[in-house]
Every structure is written in C-alpha cells, then in structure tokens.
Amino acid sequence: MAKFEECLQRLERIVQELEKGDAPLEKSLTLFEEGMQLSATCRKELEEAEGKVEILLKQNGKLHAVTFEPHSEKSPAGR
C-alpha cells in the first residue's frame, strides 16, 4: 500500500499548493493535471482493495486469498 500512501501524500501537497493561489497559471494547470492522475490512481487502488475484501468475504466465512481481477470498462460489473 506504500504506493497508495505516496500518491495520497503528493495529492495533498498539490491541493495545498493550488489553494495558496500564488502559482503561475501554467504551473497550476500542470499541478492540476498531476493531481487528477494521482486521484485516478488512488481510486483504482481503493477499488481493487475493495474487490479483494469482497472476494475474501464470499469464501463461506473462510479467509482464502484469491487473485482479484479488476473490472475493465468492457466487462460487466458483476456486483
């Protein structure tokens, strides 16, 4: 989960910098773009973790690790 933590910390720093409002427009846009990418990465990792938890809970009360395949946009959600 270190990647998630690192992404979240960087995202928090970007938000703080943008909230100051003293960065030039071009830098603000670059920071915003990076923030959006980090947000998507964090969201994806959270969704994958949620899927792993769901798989574990569906194992008749027994905790068995199962490889989780994240849902692609082309496949049905199946939830």
N, C-alpha and C. Protein backbone atom coordinates (compact mmCIF):
# COMPACT_ATOMS: atom_id res chain seq x y z
N MET A 1 0.82 -1.21 0.00
CA MET A 1 0.00 0.00 0.00
C MET A 1 0.86 1.26 0.00
N ALA A 2 2.16 1.10 -0.02
CA ALA A 2 3.03 2.28 0.02
C ALA A 2 2.74 3.20 -1.16
N LYS A 3 2.47 2.62 -2.32
CA LYS A 3 2.19 3.46 -3.48
C LYS A 3 0.96 4.33 -3.24
N PHE A 4 -0.08 3.74 -2.65
CA PHE A 4 -1.29 4.50 -2.36
C PHE A 4 -0.97 5.64 -1.40
N GLU A 5 -0.24 5.34 -0.35
CA GLU A 5 0.11 6.36 0.65
C GLU A 5 0.93 7.48 0.01
N GLU A 6 1.88 7.12 -0.84
CA GLU A 6 2.72 8.12 -1.51
C GLU A 6 1.87 9.00 -2.43
N CYS A 7 0.98 8.39 -3.19
CA CYS A 7 0.11 9.14 -4.09
C CYS A 7 -0.78 10.10 -3.31
N LEU A 8 -1.32 9.62 -2.21
CA LEU A 8 -2.21 10.44 -1.40
C LEU A 8 -1.46 11.63 -0.80
N GLN A 9 -0.25 11.39 -0.31
CA GLN A 9 0.55 12.48 0.26
C GLN A 9 0.89 13.53 -0.80
N ARG A 10 1.28 13.07 -1.98
CA ARG A 10 1.60 14.01 -3.06
C ARG A 10 0.35 14.79 -3.45
N LEU A 11 -0.78 14.12 -3.52
CA LEU A 11 -2.03 14.78 -3.87
C LEU A 11 -2.37 15.86 -2.84
N GLU A 12 -2.16 15.59 -1.57
CA GLU A 12 -2.41 16.57 -0.52
C GLU A 12 -1.50 17.79 -0.68
N ARG A 13 -0.23 17.56 -1.03
CA ARG A 13 0.70 18.68 -1.25
C ARG A 13 0.27 19.53 -2.44
N ILE A 14 -0.20 18.87 -3.50
CA ILE A 14 -0.67 19.60 -4.68
C ILE A 14 -1.87 20.47 -4.32
N VAL A 15 -2.81 19.91 -3.58
CA VAL A 15 -4.00 20.67 -3.19
C VAL A 15 -3.59 21.89 -2.36
N GLN A 16 -2.69 21.70 -1.42
CA GLN A 16 -2.23 22.82 -0.60
C GLN A 16 -1.59 23.91 -1.45
N GLU A 17 -0.77 23.50 -2.42
CA GLU A 17 -0.11 24.48 -3.28
C GLU A 17 -1.12 25.23 -4.15
N LEU A 18 -2.09 24.50 -4.68
CA LEU A 18 -3.11 25.15 -5.52
C LEU A 18 -3.99 26.08 -4.69
N GLU A 19 -4.27 25.71 -3.44
CA GLU A 19 -5.12 26.55 -2.60
C GLU A 19 -4.45 27.87 -2.24
N LYS A 20 -3.11 27.88 -2.22
CA LYS A 20 -2.40 29.14 -1.95
C LYS A 20 -2.74 30.18 -3.01
N GLY A 21 -2.88 29.73 -4.25
CA GLY A 21 -3.27 30.62 -5.34
C GLY A 21 -2.17 31.52 -5.87
N ASP A 22 -0.93 31.27 -5.49
CA ASP A 22 0.14 32.16 -5.94
C ASP A 22 1.00 31.55 -7.06
N ALA A 23 0.66 30.36 -7.54
CA ALA A 23 1.42 29.74 -8.62
C ALA A 23 0.96 30.33 -9.96
N PRO A 24 1.89 30.47 -10.90
CA PRO A 24 1.50 30.94 -12.24
C PRO A 24 0.50 29.96 -12.87
N LEU A 25 -0.28 30.45 -13.79
CA LEU A 25 -1.34 29.65 -14.43
C LEU A 25 -0.79 28.35 -15.01
N GLU A 26 0.30 28.42 -15.75
CA GLU A 26 0.84 27.22 -16.39
C GLU A 26 1.21 26.17 -15.34
N LYS A 27 1.85 26.59 -14.26
CA LYS A 27 2.22 25.65 -13.20
C LYS A 27 0.97 25.10 -12.53
N SER A 28 -0.03 25.95 -12.31
CA SER A 28 -1.28 25.49 -11.70
C SER A 28 -1.94 24.42 -12.54
N LEU A 29 -1.95 24.61 -13.85
CA LEU A 29 -2.54 23.62 -14.75
C LEU A 29 -1.77 22.30 -14.71
N THR A 30 -0.44 22.39 -14.66
CA THR A 30 0.39 21.19 -14.58
C THR A 30 0.12 20.45 -13.27
N LEU A 31 0.04 21.20 -12.17
CA LEU A 31 -0.25 20.59 -10.87
C LEU A 31 -1.64 19.96 -10.87
N PHE A 32 -2.61 20.65 -11.46
CA PHE A 32 -3.97 20.13 -11.52
C PHE A 32 -4.00 18.81 -12.30
N GLU A 33 -3.30 18.78 -13.43
CA GLU A 33 -3.26 17.56 -14.24
C GLU A 33 -2.63 16.42 -13.46
N GLU A 34 -1.51 16.70 -12.76
CA GLU A 34 -0.87 15.67 -11.95
C GLU A 34 -1.82 15.19 -10.85
N GLY A 35 -2.51 16.12 -10.23
CA GLY A 35 -3.46 15.78 -9.18
C GLY A 35 -4.58 14.87 -9.68
N MET A 36 -5.08 15.15 -10.87
CA MET A 36 -6.13 14.31 -11.44
C MET A 36 -5.62 12.89 -11.70
N GLN A 37 -4.38 12.77 -12.18
CA GLN A 37 -3.80 11.45 -12.42
C GLN A 37 -3.60 10.70 -11.10
N LEU A 38 -3.12 11.41 -10.09
CA LEU A 38 -2.94 10.79 -8.78
C LEU A 38 -4.27 10.35 -8.18
N SER A 39 -5.29 11.17 -8.35
CA SER A 39 -6.62 10.85 -7.85
C SER A 39 -7.14 9.57 -8.51
N ALA A 40 -6.94 9.45 -9.81
CA ALA A 40 -7.38 8.25 -10.53
C ALA A 40 -6.62 7.01 -10.05
N THR A 41 -5.32 7.17 -9.79
CA THR A 41 -4.51 6.05 -9.30
C THR A 41 -5.00 5.61 -7.92
N CYS A 42 -5.24 6.57 -7.04
CA CYS A 42 -5.74 6.25 -5.69
C CYS A 42 -7.09 5.56 -5.77
N ARG A 43 -7.98 6.08 -6.60
CA ARG A 43 -9.32 5.49 -6.75
C ARG A 43 -9.22 4.05 -7.25
N LYS A 44 -8.34 3.81 -8.22
CA LYS A 44 -8.17 2.46 -8.77
C LYS A 44 -7.67 1.50 -7.69
N GLU A 45 -6.69 1.93 -6.90
CA GLU A 45 -6.16 1.07 -5.85
C GLU A 45 -7.21 0.78 -4.78
N LEU A 46 -8.03 1.77 -4.45
CA LEU A 46 -9.10 1.54 -3.47
C LEU A 46 -10.14 0.56 -4.01
N GLU A 47 -10.49 0.68 -5.28
CA GLU A 47 -11.45 -0.25 -5.89
C GLU A 47 -10.91 -1.67 -5.90
N GLU A 48 -9.60 -1.82 -6.19
CA GLU A 48 -9.00 -3.16 -6.20
C GLU A 48 -8.99 -3.74 -4.79
N ALA A 49 -8.69 -2.92 -3.79
CA ALA A 49 -8.70 -3.39 -2.40
C ALA A 49 -10.11 -3.81 -2.00
N GLU A 50 -11.09 -3.04 -2.40
CA GLU A 50 -12.49 -3.37 -2.10
C GLU A 50 -12.86 -4.71 -2.74
N GLY A 51 -12.42 -4.92 -3.96
CA GLY A 51 -12.70 -6.19 -4.65
C GLY A 51 -12.07 -7.37 -3.93
N LYS A 52 -10.85 -7.19 -3.43
CA LYS A 52 -10.19 -8.27 -2.70
C LYS A 52 -10.94 -8.59 -1.41
N VAL A 53 -11.42 -7.56 -0.72
CA VAL A 53 -12.19 -7.78 0.50
C VAL A 53 -13.47 -8.53 0.18
N GLU A 54 -14.16 -8.15 -0.89
CA GLU A 54 -15.39 -8.83 -1.28
C GLU A 54 -15.13 -10.31 -1.57
N ILE A 55 -14.03 -10.60 -2.25
CA ILE A 55 -13.69 -11.99 -2.56
C ILE A 55 -13.46 -12.77 -1.27
N LEU A 56 -12.73 -12.16 -0.34
CA LEU A 56 -12.46 -12.85 0.93
C LEU A 56 -13.75 -13.11 1.71
N LEU A 57 -14.66 -12.16 1.69
CA LEU A 57 -15.91 -12.33 2.43
C LEU A 57 -16.83 -13.36 1.80
N LYS A 58 -16.67 -13.64 0.52
CA LYS A 58 -17.53 -14.59 -0.18
C LYS A 58 -17.04 -16.02 -0.06
N GLN A 59 -15.99 -16.26 0.66
CA GLN A 59 -15.41 -17.61 0.77
C GLN A 59 -16.02 -18.39 1.93
N ASN A 60 -17.32 -18.30 2.11
CA ASN A 60 -18.04 -19.05 3.15
C ASN A 60 -17.45 -18.83 4.53
N GLY A 61 -17.08 -17.61 4.80
CA GLY A 61 -16.55 -17.28 6.11
C GLY A 61 -15.11 -17.67 6.32
N LYS A 62 -14.52 -18.36 5.36
CA LYS A 62 -13.12 -18.75 5.46
C LYS A 62 -12.29 -17.76 4.65
N LEU A 63 -11.21 -17.31 5.23
CA LEU A 63 -10.36 -16.34 4.56
C LEU A 63 -9.36 -17.05 3.66
N HIS A 64 -9.63 -17.00 2.37
CA HIS A 64 -8.73 -17.57 1.36
C HIS A 64 -8.38 -16.46 0.39
N ALA A 65 -7.09 -16.27 0.16
CA ALA A 65 -6.67 -15.26 -0.80
C ALA A 65 -6.98 -15.76 -2.21
N VAL A 66 -7.61 -14.92 -3.00
CA VAL A 66 -7.96 -15.23 -4.37
C VAL A 66 -7.46 -14.09 -5.23
N THR A 67 -6.89 -14.41 -6.37
CA THR A 67 -6.43 -13.35 -7.27
C THR A 67 -7.61 -12.53 -7.72
N PHE A 68 -7.50 -11.23 -7.55
CA PHE A 68 -8.57 -10.32 -7.92
C PHE A 68 -8.29 -9.74 -9.29
N GLU A 69 -9.24 -9.84 -10.18
CA GLU A 69 -9.14 -9.24 -11.50
C GLU A 69 -10.05 -8.02 -11.51
N PRO A 70 -9.47 -6.81 -11.56
CA PRO A 70 -10.31 -5.61 -11.58
C PRO A 70 -11.22 -5.61 -12.80
N HIS A 71 -12.41 -5.06 -12.61
CA HIS A 71 -13.37 -4.97 -13.71
C HIS A 71 -12.86 -3.97 -14.74
N SER A 72 -12.83 -4.40 -15.98
CA SER A 72 -12.48 -3.45 -17.04
C SER A 72 -13.75 -2.75 -17.47
N GLU A 73 -13.60 -1.65 -18.19
CA GLU A 73 -14.76 -0.91 -18.65
C GLU A 73 -15.58 -1.71 -19.66
N LYS A 74 -14.94 -2.72 -20.30
CA LYS A 74 -15.63 -3.51 -21.30
C LYS A 74 -16.44 -4.65 -20.69
N SER A 75 -16.06 -5.09 -19.48
CA SER A 75 -16.76 -6.20 -18.87
C SER A 75 -17.84 -5.70 -17.93
N PRO A 76 -18.91 -6.50 -17.75
CA PRO A 76 -19.97 -6.08 -16.82
C PRO A 76 -19.46 -6.04 -15.39
N ALA A 77 -20.07 -5.22 -14.58
CA ALA A 77 -19.61 -5.00 -13.20
C ALA A 77 -19.70 -6.28 -12.37
N GLY A 78 -20.76 -7.01 -12.47
CA GLY A 78 -20.89 -8.26 -11.75
C GLY A 78 -21.05 -8.11 -10.25
N ARG A 79 -21.46 -6.97 -9.77
CA ARG A 79 -21.65 -6.78 -8.33
C ARG A 79 -23.07 -6.93 -7.95
